[in-house]
Amino acid sequence: MAEDLVDRLHLDPAKKYPRIFLDLAANLSDGQLWTLAALAMAYATLRFAEAYGLWFARRWGEWIAALSGGIYVPVEIYELSRGFSALKLGALILNAVVVAYMCHLLRRREVVRQ
């Protein structure tokens, strides 16, 4: 299945990252697969809850969005420090704008409540 995915995405299986993916997939146990599936389900549930909260303008949804977006900022800064690219800079700027907007909404809602 992993080989089919690499083939479908037109990746060269001899390259570094596709090879790592294929090697990992070949050595996964059933327990590890179930763990990965559980983590994927938890992540999808969190994102669904975030989407629901944002759609219905719930404060907790804004908190989830701000925190989950903020988690990626240090990683993006680290990646940018390893080597500059316009794509990395664009991702950092876009994510920072989203996090700043979510914080603005949270702050504005707090002022309105007082």
PDB file of N, CA and C in Angstrom:
ATOM      1  N   MET A   1       0.817  -1.182   0.000  1.00  0.00           N
ATOM      2  CA  MET A   1       0.000   0.000   0.000  1.00  0.00           C
ATOM      3  C   MET A   1       0.876   1.268   0.000  1.00  0.00           C
ATOM      4  N   ALA A   2       1.937   1.254   0.799  1.00  0.00           N
ATOM      5  CA  ALA A   2       2.844   2.400   0.851  1.00  0.00           C
ATOM      6  C   ALA A   2       3.528   2.601  -0.497  1.00  0.00           C
ATOM      7  N   GLU A   3       3.910   1.505  -1.132  1.00  0.00           N
ATOM      8  CA  GLU A   3       4.543   1.604  -2.447  1.00  0.00           C
ATOM      9  C   GLU A   3       3.569   2.163  -3.478  1.00  0.00           C
ATOM     10  N   ASP A   4       2.306   1.754  -3.380  1.00  0.00           N
ATOM     11  CA  ASP A   4       1.292   2.288  -4.296  1.00  0.00           C
ATOM     12  C   ASP A   4       1.117   3.788  -4.097  1.00  0.00           C
ATOM     13  N   LEU A   5       1.147   4.234  -2.826  1.00  0.00           N
ATOM     14  CA  LEU A   5       1.004   5.660  -2.538  1.00  0.00           C
ATOM     15  C   LEU A   5       2.178   6.449  -3.105  1.00  0.00           C
ATOM     16  N   VAL A   6       3.385   5.957  -2.899  1.00  0.00           N
ATOM     17  CA  VAL A   6       4.569   6.629  -3.442  1.00  0.00           C
ATOM     18  C   VAL A   6       4.495   6.681  -4.962  1.00  0.00           C
ATOM     19  N   ASP A   7       4.060   5.593  -5.580  1.00  0.00           N
ATOM     20  CA  ASP A   7       3.920   5.551  -7.030  1.00  0.00           C
ATOM     21  C   ASP A   7       2.841   6.521  -7.506  1.00  0.00           C
ATOM     22  N   ARG A   8       1.712   6.532  -6.819  1.00  0.00           N
ATOM     23  CA  ARG A   8       0.597   7.411  -7.202  1.00  0.00           C
ATOM     24  C   ARG A   8       0.983   8.889  -7.115  1.00  0.00           C
ATOM     25  N   LEU A   9       1.817   9.225  -6.134  1.00  0.00           N
ATOM     26  CA  LEU A   9       2.266  10.612  -5.966  1.00  0.00           C
ATOM     27  C   LEU A   9       3.453  10.955  -6.871  1.00  0.00           C
ATOM     28  N   HIS A  10       3.861   9.999  -7.706  1.00  0.00           N
ATOM     29  CA  HIS A  10       4.959  10.189  -8.658  1.00  0.00           C
ATOM     30  C   HIS A  10       6.256  10.574  -7.958  1.00  0.00           C
ATOM     31  N   LEU A  11       6.513   9.896  -6.825  1.00  0.00           N
ATOM     32  CA  LEU A  11       7.751  10.125  -6.100  1.00  0.00           C
ATOM     33  C   LEU A  11       8.757   9.048  -6.481  1.00  0.00           C
ATOM     34  N   ASP A  12      10.011   9.407  -6.420  1.00  0.00           N
ATOM     35  CA  ASP A  12      11.077   8.448  -6.717  1.00  0.00           C
ATOM     36  C   ASP A  12      11.374   7.663  -5.441  1.00  0.00           C
ATOM     37  N   PRO A  13      11.096   6.365  -5.417  1.00  0.00           N
ATOM     38  CA  PRO A  13      11.311   5.579  -4.198  1.00  0.00           C
ATOM     39  C   PRO A  13      12.767   5.508  -3.752  1.00  0.00           C
ATOM     40  N   ALA A  14      13.696   5.887  -4.615  1.00  0.00           N
ATOM     41  CA  ALA A  14      15.113   5.860  -4.250  1.00  0.00           C
ATOM     42  C   ALA A  14      15.542   7.144  -3.532  1.00  0.00           C
ATOM     43  N   LYS A  15      14.708   8.163  -3.582  1.00  0.00           N
ATOM     44  CA  LYS A  15      15.044   9.429  -2.912  1.00  0.00           C
ATOM     45  C   LYS A  15      14.916   9.271  -1.400  1.00  0.00           C
ATOM     46  N   LYS A  16      15.444  10.241  -0.664  1.00  0.00           N
ATOM     47  CA  LYS A  16      15.562  10.142   0.789  1.00  0.00           C
ATOM     48  C   LYS A  16      14.208   9.963   1.497  1.00  0.00           C
ATOM     49  N   TYR A  17      13.289  10.898   1.337  1.00  0.00           N
ATOM     50  CA  TYR A  17      12.046  10.865   2.110  1.00  0.00           C
ATOM     51  C   TYR A  17      11.095   9.741   1.695  1.00  0.00           C
ATOM     52  N   PRO A  18      10.903   9.498   0.408  1.00  0.00           N
ATOM     53  CA  PRO A  18      10.083   8.332   0.058  1.00  0.00           C
ATOM     54  C   PRO A  18      10.686   7.015   0.582  1.00  0.00           C
ATOM     55  N   ARG A  19      12.018   6.924   0.580  1.00  0.00           N
ATOM     56  CA  ARG A  19      12.680   5.713   1.080  1.00  0.00           C
ATOM     57  C   ARG A  19      12.433   5.560   2.583  1.00  0.00           C
ATOM     58  N   ILE A  20      12.540   6.658   3.338  1.00  0.00           N
ATOM     59  CA  ILE A  20      12.267   6.611   4.779  1.00  0.00           C
ATOM     60  C   ILE A  20      10.838   6.153   5.022  1.00  0.00           C
ATOM     61  N   PHE A  21       9.896   6.720   4.261  1.00  0.00           N
ATOM     62  CA  PHE A  21       8.484   6.346   4.403  1.00  0.00           C
ATOM     63  C   PHE A  21       8.280   4.867   4.111  1.00  0.00           C
ATOM     64  N   LEU A  22       8.873   4.388   3.033  1.00  0.00           N
ATOM     65  CA  LEU A  22       8.713   2.976   2.659  1.00  0.00           C
ATOM     66  C   LEU A  22       9.344   2.041   3.698  1.00  0.00           C
ATOM     67  N   ASP A  23      10.511   2.420   4.210  1.00  0.00           N
ATOM     68  CA  ASP A  23      11.162   1.589   5.227  1.00  0.00           C
ATOM     69  C   ASP A  23      10.343   1.542   6.509  1.00  0.00           C
ATOM     70  N   LEU A  24       9.799   2.686   6.908  1.00  0.00           N
ATOM     71  CA  LEU A  24       8.959   2.716   8.102  1.00  0.00           C
ATOM     72  C   LEU A  24       7.697   1.875   7.906  1.00  0.00           C
ATOM     73  N   ALA A  25       7.083   2.009   6.761  1.00  0.00           N
ATOM     74  CA  ALA A  25       5.855   1.255   6.489  1.00  0.00           C
ATOM     75  C   ALA A  25       6.128  -0.246   6.473  1.00  0.00           C
ATOM     76  N   ALA A  26       7.285  -0.644   5.997  1.00  0.00           N
ATOM     77  CA  ALA A  26       7.610  -2.067   5.924  1.00  0.00           C
ATOM     78  C   ALA A  26       7.854  -2.667   7.304  1.00  0.00           C
ATOM     79  N   ASN A  27       8.241  -1.840   8.264  1.00  0.00           N
ATOM     80  CA  ASN A  27       8.610  -2.359   9.586  1.00  0.00           C
ATOM     81  C   ASN A  27       7.582  -2.060  10.675  1.00  0.00           C
ATOM     82  N   LEU A  28       6.388  -1.613  10.300  1.00  0.00           N
ATOM     83  CA  LEU A  28       5.366  -1.303  11.299  1.00  0.00           C
ATOM     84  C   LEU A  28       4.700  -2.575  11.815  1.00  0.00           C
ATOM     85  N   SER A  29       4.498  -2.613  13.116  1.00  0.00           N
ATOM     86  CA  SER A  29       3.752  -3.729  13.701  1.00  0.00           C
ATOM     87  C   SER A  29       2.271  -3.340  13.766  1.00  0.00           C
ATOM     88  N   ASP A  30       1.425  -4.310  14.078  1.00  0.00           N
ATOM     89  CA  ASP A  30      -0.003  -4.024  14.206  1.00  0.00           C
ATOM     90  C   ASP A  30      -0.266  -3.011  15.313  1.00  0.00           C
ATOM     91  N   GLY A  31       0.453  -3.138  16.418  1.00  0.00           N
ATOM     92  CA  GLY A  31       0.285  -2.197  17.530  1.00  0.00           C
ATOM     93  C   GLY A  31       0.648  -0.782  17.130  1.00  0.00           C
ATOM     94  N   GLN A  32       1.733  -0.642  16.380  1.00  0.00           N
ATOM     95  CA  GLN A  32       2.151   0.684  15.923  1.00  0.00           C
ATOM     96  C   GLN A  32       1.135   1.270  14.951  1.00  0.00           C
ATOM     97  N   LEU A  33       0.570   0.418  14.088  1.00  0.00           N
ATOM     98  CA  LEU A  33      -0.463   0.896  13.157  1.00  0.00           C
ATOM     99  C   LEU A  33      -1.696   1.378  13.910  1.00  0.00           C
ATOM    100  N   TRP A  34      -2.108   0.630  14.926  1.00  0.00           N
ATOM    101  CA  TRP A  34      -3.261   1.048  15.725  1.00  0.00           C
ATOM    102  C   TRP A  34      -2.969   2.350  16.468  1.00  0.00           C
ATOM    103  N   THR A  35      -1.751   2.498  16.958  1.00  0.00           N
ATOM    104  CA  THR A  35      -1.368   3.738  17.633  1.00  0.00           C
ATOM    105  C   THR A  35      -1.421   4.911  16.664  1.00  0.00           C
ATOM    106  N   LEU A  36      -0.874   4.736  15.466  1.00  0.00           N
ATOM    107  CA  LEU A  36      -0.922   5.795  14.450  1.00  0.00           C
ATOM    108  C   LEU A  36      -2.361   6.130  14.078  1.00  0.00           C
ATOM    109  N   ALA A  37      -3.200   5.105  13.951  1.00  0.00           N
ATOM    110  CA  ALA A  37      -4.610   5.338  13.626  1.00  0.00           C
ATOM    111  C   ALA A  37      -5.303   6.108  14.742  1.00  0.00           C
ATOM    112  N   ALA A  38      -5.009   5.760  15.991  1.00  0.00           N
ATOM    113  CA  ALA A  38      -5.610   6.459  17.130  1.00  0.00           C
ATOM    114  C   ALA A  38      -5.158   7.915  17.174  1.00  0.00           C
ATOM    115  N   LEU A  39      -3.887   8.160  16.914  1.00  0.00           N
ATOM    116  CA  LEU A  39      -3.383   9.541  16.886  1.00  0.00           C
ATOM    117  C   LEU A  39      -4.021  10.340  15.749  1.00  0.00           C
ATOM    118  N   ALA A  40      -4.168   9.715  14.588  1.00  0.00           N
ATOM    119  CA  ALA A  40      -4.815  10.391  13.464  1.00  0.00           C
ATOM    120  C   ALA A  40      -6.271  10.715  13.792  1.00  0.00           C
ATOM    121  N   MET A  41      -6.949   9.800  14.461  1.00  0.00           N
ATOM    122  CA  MET A  41      -8.342  10.024  14.851  1.00  0.00           C
ATOM    123  C   MET A  41      -8.443  11.154  15.878  1.00  0.00           C
ATOM    124  N   ALA A  42      -7.531  11.182  16.843  1.00  0.00           N
ATOM    125  CA  ALA A  42      -7.530  12.256  17.838  1.00  0.00           C
ATOM    126  C   ALA A  42      -7.277  13.609  17.176  1.00  0.00           C
ATOM    127  N   TYR A  43      -6.339  13.640  16.235  1.00  0.00           N
ATOM    128  CA  TYR A  43      -6.033  14.885  15.523  1.00  0.00           C
ATOM    129  C   TYR A  43      -7.240  15.342  14.711  1.00  0.00           C
ATOM    130  N   ALA A  44      -7.881  14.427  14.005  1.00  0.00           N
ATOM    131  CA  ALA A  44      -9.059  14.770  13.208  1.00  0.00           C
ATOM    132  C   ALA A  44     -10.198  15.256  14.106  1.00  0.00           C
ATOM    133  N   THR A  45     -10.366  14.627  15.268  1.00  0.00           N
ATOM    134  CA  THR A  45     -11.408  15.045  16.206  1.00  0.00           C
ATOM    135  C   THR A  45     -11.136  16.452  16.718  1.00  0.00           C
ATOM    136  N   LEU A  46      -9.880  16.738  17.045  1.00  0.00           N
ATOM    137  CA  LEU A  46      -9.524  18.084  17.503  1.00  0.00           C
ATOM    138  C   LEU A  46      -9.815  19.116  16.417  1.00  0.00           C
ATOM    139  N   ARG A  47      -9.438  18.821  15.179  1.00  0.00           N
ATOM    140  CA  ARG A  47      -9.678  19.754  14.077  1.00  0.00           C
ATOM    141  C   ARG A  47     -11.170  19.920  13.798  1.00  0.00           C
ATOM    142  N   PHE A  48     -11.939  18.854  13.921  1.00  0.00           N
ATOM    143  CA  PHE A  48     -13.383  18.957  13.749  1.00  0.00           C
ATOM    144  C   PHE A  48     -13.987  19.820  14.843  1.00  0.00           C
ATOM    145  N   ALA A  49     -13.545  19.621  16.081  1.00  0.00           N
ATOM    146  CA  ALA A  49     -14.036  20.446  17.190  1.00  0.00           C
ATOM    147  C   ALA A  49     -13.679  21.916  16.968  1.00  0.00           C
ATOM    148  N   GLU A  50     -12.473  22.161  16.491  1.00  0.00           N
ATOM    149  CA  GLU A  50     -12.048  23.528  16.192  1.00  0.00           C
ATOM    150  C   GLU A  50     -12.943  24.143  15.117  1.00  0.00           C
ATOM    151  N   ALA A  51     -13.195  23.394  14.058  1.00  0.00           N
ATOM    152  CA  ALA A  51     -14.041  23.898  12.964  1.00  0.00           C
ATOM    153  C   ALA A  51     -15.457  24.179  13.462  1.00  0.00           C
ATOM    154  N   TYR A  52     -16.002  23.277  14.272  1.00  0.00           N
ATOM    155  CA  TYR A  52     -17.338  23.475  14.832  1.00  0.00           C
ATOM    156  C   TYR A  52     -17.372  24.731  15.703  1.00  0.00           C
ATOM    157  N   GLY A  53     -16.377  24.863  16.562  1.00  0.00           N
ATOM    158  CA  GLY A  53     -16.320  26.026  17.446  1.00  0.00           C
ATOM    159  C   GLY A  53     -16.174  27.332  16.693  1.00  0.00           C
ATOM    160  N   LEU A  54     -15.374  27.339  15.643  1.00  0.00           N
ATOM    161  CA  LEU A  54     -15.218  28.561  14.853  1.00  0.00           C
ATOM    162  C   LEU A  54     -16.484  28.864  14.049  1.00  0.00           C
ATOM    163  N   TRP A  55     -17.105  27.825  13.488  1.00  0.00           N
ATOM    164  CA  TRP A  55     -18.308  28.017  12.682  1.00  0.00           C
ATOM    165  C   TRP A  55     -19.431  28.637  13.509  1.00  0.00           C
ATOM    166  N   PHE A  56     -19.570  28.179  14.744  1.00  0.00           N
ATOM    167  CA  PHE A  56     -20.632  28.674  15.605  1.00  0.00           C
ATOM    168  C   PHE A  56     -20.146  29.747  16.584  1.00  0.00           C
ATOM    169  N   ALA A  57     -18.991  30.339  16.279  1.00  0.00           N
ATOM    170  CA  ALA A  57     -18.417  31.471  17.027  1.00  0.00           C
ATOM    171  C   ALA A  57     -18.331  31.186  18.523  1.00  0.00           C
ATOM    172  N   ARG A  58     -17.819  30.023  18.868  1.00  0.00           N
ATOM    173  CA  ARG A  58     -17.617  29.664  20.266  1.00  0.00           C
ATOM    174  C   ARG A  58     -16.228  30.125  20.693  1.00  0.00           C
ATOM    175  N   ARG A  59     -16.162  30.619  21.899  1.00  0.00           N
ATOM    176  CA  ARG A  59     -14.881  31.111  22.409  1.00  0.00           C
ATOM    177  C   ARG A  59     -13.841  29.991  22.478  1.00  0.00           C
ATOM    178  N   TRP A  60     -14.259  28.800  22.892  1.00  0.00           N
ATOM    179  CA  TRP A  60     -13.321  27.690  23.001  1.00  0.00           C
ATOM    180  C   TRP A  60     -12.767  27.305  21.626  1.00  0.00           C
ATOM    181  N   GLY A  61     -13.550  27.486  20.575  1.00  0.00           N
ATOM    182  CA  GLY A  61     -13.056  27.219  19.224  1.00  0.00           C
ATOM    183  C   GLY A  61     -11.960  28.195  18.828  1.00  0.00           C
ATOM    184  N   GLU A  62     -12.126  29.454  19.242  1.00  0.00           N
ATOM    185  CA  GLU A  62     -11.091  30.457  18.969  1.00  0.00           C
ATOM    186  C   GLU A  62      -9.817  30.146  19.745  1.00  0.00           C
ATOM    187  N   TRP A  63      -9.960  29.656  20.971  1.00  0.00           N
ATOM    188  CA  TRP A  63      -8.796  29.262  21.752  1.00  0.00           C
ATOM    189  C   TRP A  63      -8.061  28.095  21.093  1.00  0.00           C
ATOM    190  N   ILE A  64      -8.815  27.098  20.656  1.00  0.00           N
ATOM    191  CA  ILE A  64      -8.180  25.950  19.997  1.00  0.00           C
ATOM    192  C   ILE A  64      -7.437  26.413  18.745  1.00  0.00           C
ATOM    193  N   ALA A  65      -8.059  27.298  17.967  1.00  0.00           N
ATOM    194  CA  ALA A  65      -7.428  27.786  16.736  1.00  0.00           C
ATOM    195  C   ALA A  65      -6.147  28.563  17.038  1.00  0.00           C
ATOM    196  N   ALA A  66      -6.204  29.438  18.046  1.00  0.00           N
ATOM    197  CA  ALA A  66      -5.027  30.233  18.392  1.00  0.00           C
ATOM    198  C   ALA A  66      -3.896  29.343  18.904  1.00  0.00           C
ATOM    199  N   LEU A  67      -4.220  28.412  19.766  1.00  0.00           N
ATOM    200  CA  LEU A  67      -3.188  27.539  20.331  1.00  0.00           C
ATOM    201  C   LEU A  67      -2.634  26.561  19.296  1.00  0.00           C
ATOM    202  N   SER A  68      -3.512  25.968  18.503  1.00  0.00           N
ATOM    203  CA  SER A  68      -3.023  25.002  17.524  1.00  0.00           C
ATOM    204  C   SER A  68      -2.218  25.677  16.419  1.00  0.00           C
ATOM    205  N   GLY A  69      -2.563  26.896  16.079  1.00  0.00           N
ATOM    206  CA  GLY A  69      -1.759  27.625  15.100  1.00  0.00           C
ATOM    207  C   GLY A  69      -0.435  28.082  15.692  1.00  0.00           C
ATOM    208  N   GLY A  70      -0.471  28.481  16.958  1.00  0.00           N
ATOM    209  CA  GLY A  70       0.738  28.957  17.633  1.00  0.00           C
ATOM    210  C   GLY A  70       1.775  27.878  17.843  1.00  0.00           C
ATOM    211  N   ILE A  71       1.338  26.631  17.926  1.00  0.00           N
ATOM    212  CA  ILE A  71       2.274  25.523  18.128  1.00  0.00           C
ATOM    213  C   ILE A  71       3.245  25.415  16.957  1.00  0.00           C
ATOM    214  N   TYR A  72       2.785  25.753  15.758  1.00  0.00           N
ATOM    215  CA  TYR A  72       3.619  25.583  14.574  1.00  0.00           C
ATOM    216  C   TYR A  72       4.621  26.721  14.354  1.00  0.00           C
ATOM    217  N   VAL A  73       4.419  27.866  14.997  1.00  0.00           N
ATOM    218  CA  VAL A  73       5.291  29.022  14.760  1.00  0.00           C
ATOM    219  C   VAL A  73       6.751  28.723  15.105  1.00  0.00           C
ATOM    220  N   PRO A  74       7.064  28.137  16.277  1.00  0.00           N
ATOM    221  CA  PRO A  74       8.487  27.844  16.543  1.00  0.00           C
ATOM    222  C   PRO A  74       9.101  26.874  15.531  1.00  0.00           C
ATOM    223  N   VAL A  75       8.329  25.914  15.078  1.00  0.00           N
ATOM    224  CA  VAL A  75       8.836  24.960  14.086  1.00  0.00           C
ATOM    225  C   VAL A  75       9.124  25.695  12.778  1.00  0.00           C
ATOM    226  N   GLU A  76       8.231  26.593  12.388  1.00  0.00           N
ATOM    227  CA  GLU A  76       8.432  27.348  11.151  1.00  0.00           C
ATOM    228  C   GLU A  76       9.644  28.271  11.263  1.00  0.00           C
ATOM    229  N   ILE A  77       9.852  28.878  12.431  1.00  0.00           N
ATOM    230  CA  ILE A  77      11.030  29.728  12.639  1.00  0.00           C
ATOM    231  C   ILE A  77      12.298  28.886  12.555  1.00  0.00           C
ATOM    232  N   TYR A  78      12.267  27.709  13.183  1.00  0.00           N
ATOM    233  CA  TYR A  78      13.423  26.818  13.128  1.00  0.00           C
ATOM    234  C   TYR A  78      13.737  26.422  11.683  1.00  0.00           C
ATOM    235  N   GLU A  79      12.715  26.033  10.943  1.00  0.00           N
ATOM    236  CA  GLU A  79      12.930  25.640   9.545  1.00  0.00           C
ATOM    237  C   GLU A  79      13.471  26.803   8.724  1.00  0.00           C
ATOM    238  N   LEU A  80      12.990  27.997   8.999  1.00  0.00           N
ATOM    239  CA  LEU A  80      13.474  29.179   8.280  1.00  0.00           C
ATOM    240  C   LEU A  80      14.936  29.460   8.630  1.00  0.00           C
ATOM    241  N   SER A  81      15.324  29.192   9.878  1.00  0.00           N
ATOM    242  CA  SER A  81      16.716  29.410  10.284  1.00  0.00           C
ATOM    243  C   SER A  81      17.663  28.401   9.633  1.00  0.00           C
ATOM    244  N   ARG A  82      17.151  27.234   9.270  1.00  0.00           N
ATOM    245  CA  ARG A  82      17.977  26.211   8.616  1.00  0.00           C
ATOM    246  C   ARG A  82      18.240  26.524   7.158  1.00  0.00           C
ATOM    247  N   GLY A  83      17.385  27.322   6.569  1.00  0.00           N
ATOM    248  CA  GLY A  83      17.567  27.666   5.162  1.00  0.00           C
ATOM    249  C   GLY A  83      16.387  28.487   4.686  1.00  0.00           C
ATOM    250  N   PHE A  84      16.678  29.625   4.097  1.00  0.00           N
ATOM    251  CA  PHE A  84      15.618  30.528   3.667  1.00  0.00           C
ATOM    252  C   PHE A  84      14.969  30.037   2.383  1.00  0.00           C
ATOM    253  N   SER A  85      13.648  30.166   2.351  1.00  0.00           N
ATOM    254  CA  SER A  85      12.908  29.995   1.107  1.00  0.00           C
ATOM    255  C   SER A  85      11.643  30.847   1.224  1.00  0.00           C
ATOM    256  N   ALA A  86      11.162  31.291   0.105  1.00  0.00           N
ATOM    257  CA  ALA A  86       9.965  32.124   0.099  1.00  0.00           C
ATOM    258  C   ALA A  86       8.758  31.350   0.636  1.00  0.00           C
ATOM    259  N   LEU A  87       8.704  30.062   0.352  1.00  0.00           N
ATOM    260  CA  LEU A  87       7.599  29.238   0.834  1.00  0.00           C
ATOM    261  C   LEU A  87       7.597  29.154   2.361  1.00  0.00           C
ATOM    262  N   LYS A  88       8.774  28.935   2.956  1.00  0.00           N
ATOM    263  CA  LYS A  88       8.870  28.880   4.419  1.00  0.00           C
ATOM    264  C   LYS A  88       8.495  30.213   5.042  1.00  0.00           C
ATOM    265  N   LEU A  89       8.983  31.301   4.468  1.00  0.00           N
ATOM    266  CA  LEU A  89       8.650  32.627   4.977  1.00  0.00           C
ATOM    267  C   LEU A  89       7.158  32.900   4.831  1.00  0.00           C
ATOM    268  N   GLY A  90       6.592  32.532   3.700  1.00  0.00           N
ATOM    269  CA  GLY A  90       5.159  32.724   3.479  1.00  0.00           C
ATOM    270  C   GLY A  90       4.319  31.942   4.475  1.00  0.00           C
ATOM    271  N   ALA A  91       4.720  30.705   4.751  1.00  0.00           N
ATOM    272  CA  ALA A  91       3.991  29.880   5.726  1.00  0.00           C
ATOM    273  C   ALA A  91       4.060  30.502   7.112  1.00  0.00           C
ATOM    274  N   LEU A  92       5.229  30.996   7.494  1.00  0.00           N
ATOM    275  CA  LEU A  92       5.388  31.644   8.799  1.00  0.00           C
ATOM    276  C   LEU A  92       4.530  32.893   8.898  1.00  0.00           C
ATOM    277  N   ILE A  93       4.564  33.723   7.882  1.00  0.00           N
ATOM    278  CA  ILE A  93       3.782  34.959   7.901  1.00  0.00           C
ATOM    279  C   ILE A  93       2.295  34.658   7.936  1.00  0.00           C
ATOM    280  N   LEU A  94       1.842  33.745   7.098  1.00  0.00           N
ATOM    281  CA  LEU A  94       0.421  33.397   7.073  1.00  0.00           C
ATOM    282  C   LEU A  94      -0.041  32.841   8.415  1.00  0.00           C
ATOM    283  N   ASN A  95       0.735  31.942   8.986  1.00  0.00           N
ATOM    284  CA  ASN A  95       0.370  31.369  10.273  1.00  0.00           C
ATOM    285  C   ASN A  95       0.381  32.436  11.374  1.00  0.00           C
ATOM    286  N   ALA A  96       1.365  33.319  11.361  1.00  0.00           N
ATOM    287  CA  ALA A  96       1.428  34.388  12.361  1.00  0.00           C
ATOM    288  C   ALA A  96       0.220  35.321  12.236  1.00  0.00           C
ATOM    289  N   VAL A  97      -0.211  35.608  11.013  1.00  0.00           N
ATOM    290  CA  VAL A  97      -1.388  36.455  10.806  1.00  0.00           C
ATOM    291  C   VAL A  97      -2.638  35.767  11.355  1.00  0.00           C
ATOM    292  N   VAL A  98      -2.780  34.481  11.098  1.00  0.00           N
ATOM    293  CA  VAL A  98      -3.949  33.743  11.601  1.00  0.00           C
ATOM    294  C   VAL A  98      -3.951  33.728  13.127  1.00  0.00           C
ATOM    295  N   VAL A  99      -2.807  33.445  13.729  1.00  0.00           N
ATOM    296  CA  VAL A  99      -2.724  33.416  15.194  1.00  0.00           C
ATOM    297  C   VAL A  99      -3.003  34.808  15.764  1.00  0.00           C
ATOM    298  N   ALA A 100      -2.449  35.842  15.158  1.00  0.00           N
ATOM    299  CA  ALA A 100      -2.701  37.208  15.630  1.00  0.00           C
ATOM    300  C   ALA A 100      -4.182  37.562  15.520  1.00  0.00           C
ATOM    301  N   TYR A 101      -4.823  37.156  14.440  1.00  0.00           N
ATOM    302  CA  TYR A 101      -6.251  37.427  14.267  1.00  0.00           C
ATOM    303  C   TYR A 101      -7.074  36.699  15.318  1.00  0.00           C
ATOM    304  N   MET A 102      -6.740  35.439  15.579  1.00  0.00           N
ATOM    305  CA  MET A 102      -7.475  34.691  16.600  1.00  0.00           C
ATOM    306  C   MET A 102      -7.282  35.316  17.975  1.00  0.00           C
ATOM    307  N   CYS A 103      -6.078  35.770  18.282  1.00  0.00           N
ATOM    308  CA  CYS A 103      -5.834  36.453  19.559  1.00  0.00           C
ATOM    309  C   CYS A 103      -6.608  37.766  19.615  1.00  0.00           C
ATOM    310  N   HIS A 104      -6.686  38.468  18.493  1.00  0.00           N
ATOM    311  CA  HIS A 104      -7.472  39.705  18.430  1.00  0.00           C
ATOM    312  C   HIS A 104      -8.945  39.422  18.723  1.00  0.00           C
ATOM    313  N   LEU A 105      -9.484  38.356  18.130  1.00  0.00           N
ATOM    314  CA  LEU A 105     -10.877  37.995  18.400  1.00  0.00           C
ATOM    315  C   LEU A 105     -11.092  37.658  19.871  1.00  0.00           C
ATOM    316  N   LEU A 106     -10.156  36.928  20.443  1.00  0.00           N
ATOM    317  CA  LEU A 106     -10.277  36.569  21.860  1.00  0.00           C
ATOM    318  C   LEU A 106     -10.213  37.812  22.747  1.00  0.00           C
ATOM    319  N   ARG A 107      -9.312  38.718  22.441  1.00  0.00           N
ATOM    320  CA  ARG A 107      -9.180  39.947  23.226  1.00  0.00           C
ATOM    321  C   ARG A 107     -10.415  40.821  23.057  1.00  0.00           C
ATOM    322  N   ARG A 108     -10.910  40.942  21.826  1.00  0.00           N
ATOM    323  CA  ARG A 108     -12.091  41.765  21.573  1.00  0.00           C
ATOM    324  C   ARG A 108     -13.307  41.199  22.287  1.00  0.00           C
ATOM    325  N   ARG A 109     -13.449  39.897  22.270  1.00  0.00           N
ATOM    326  CA  ARG A 109     -14.580  39.271  22.950  1.00  0.00           C
ATOM    327  C   ARG A 109     -14.483  39.482  24.465  1.00  0.00           C
ATOM    328  N   GLU A 110     -13.263  39.485  25.005  1.00  0.00           N
ATOM    329  CA  GLU A 110     -13.067  39.723  26.436  1.00  0.00           C
ATOM    330  C   GLU A 110     -13.449  41.149  26.814  1.00  0.00           C
ATOM    331  N   VAL A 111     -13.109  42.108  25.957  1.00  0.00           N
ATOM    332  CA  VAL A 111     -13.457  43.509  26.218  1.00  0.00           C
ATOM    333  C   VAL A 111     -14.969  43.691  26.176  1.00  0.00           C
ATOM    334  N   VAL A 112     -15.641  43.023  25.242  1.00  0.00           N
ATOM    335  CA  VAL A 112     -17.094  43.138  25.106  1.00  0.00           C
ATOM    336  C   VAL A 112     -17.779  42.561  26.336  1.00  0.00           C
ATOM    337  N   ARG A 113     -17.237  41.470  26.897  1.00  0.00           N
ATOM    338  CA  ARG A 113     -17.854  40.844  28.058  1.00  0.00           C
ATOM    339  C   ARG A 113     -17.761  41.720  29.290  1.00  0.00           C
ATOM    340  N   GLN A 114     -16.748  42.569  29.389  1.00  0.00           N
ATOM    341  CA  GLN A 114     -16.585  43.392  30.579  1.00  0.00           C
ATOM    342  C   GLN A 114     -17.466  44.563  30.508  1.00  0.00           C
TER     343      GLN A 114
END
